Amino acid sequence: MDRRQILELSAALPLGAALAGAAGPARAAEGPSAEVRAAIQDTQSRFVWGLDNADMAMAAGAFSRDATVRDIEGRLWRPADGGAPAFLRSAIRAIGPGGSHYIQLNKLVAKGSAFVATTYWSRLSWTAGAPAPAMQQLGLFTDTFVRDGQHLRIAEKVITRWDSTTVSVAKL
């Protein structure tokens, strides 16, 4: 295949399809669209911004009404127990002010009418007078997104911590 054929083939695929992890043009075209990827990244950004700024309404808006959350300690927050809003109140209190989450969407796959996103996250703080920021935590979000009207919202969130027993990359 020459350069022209490669460019024609890539122009025919949805933006971001090659990033969906599919092999070959027929499989790549099945990946989530650029619009879906952007909507999911927007929802994730609103979630962490709400946490970092203690904005309950912003963070809660990222979740479906019947969402469940498994927090970093392994506790399951079900709708009958207060669900995502109860988790958020607890998380905002525990996190406290003075830090920022940074997120990187790593993998996005369609699962029926839902989408499952695997996202790396870190939380940094920078204390006045300190020479550099300090990493507070490092982990992984595994989120299942569902359509809610015109929005994609989190129906299930699983938060895990990275440490020496769970990290999936080679140590340098």
Foldseek 3Di string as FASTA:
>chain_A
DDPVVVVVLVVPAAVCLVLQPFPDSVRSNQFDHPVVVVQLVVLVVQLQVCLAVVPLVSNPVQADQQAWEQDAVRDIAGVVNVHPSVVSVVSSVVVDYFKGKDKDWRHWGDDPQKIWTKMKMWIWGDDPPDPDIDTDFIWIWTFIWHDDPPHTHTRYIYIHTDDPVPDDDDDD
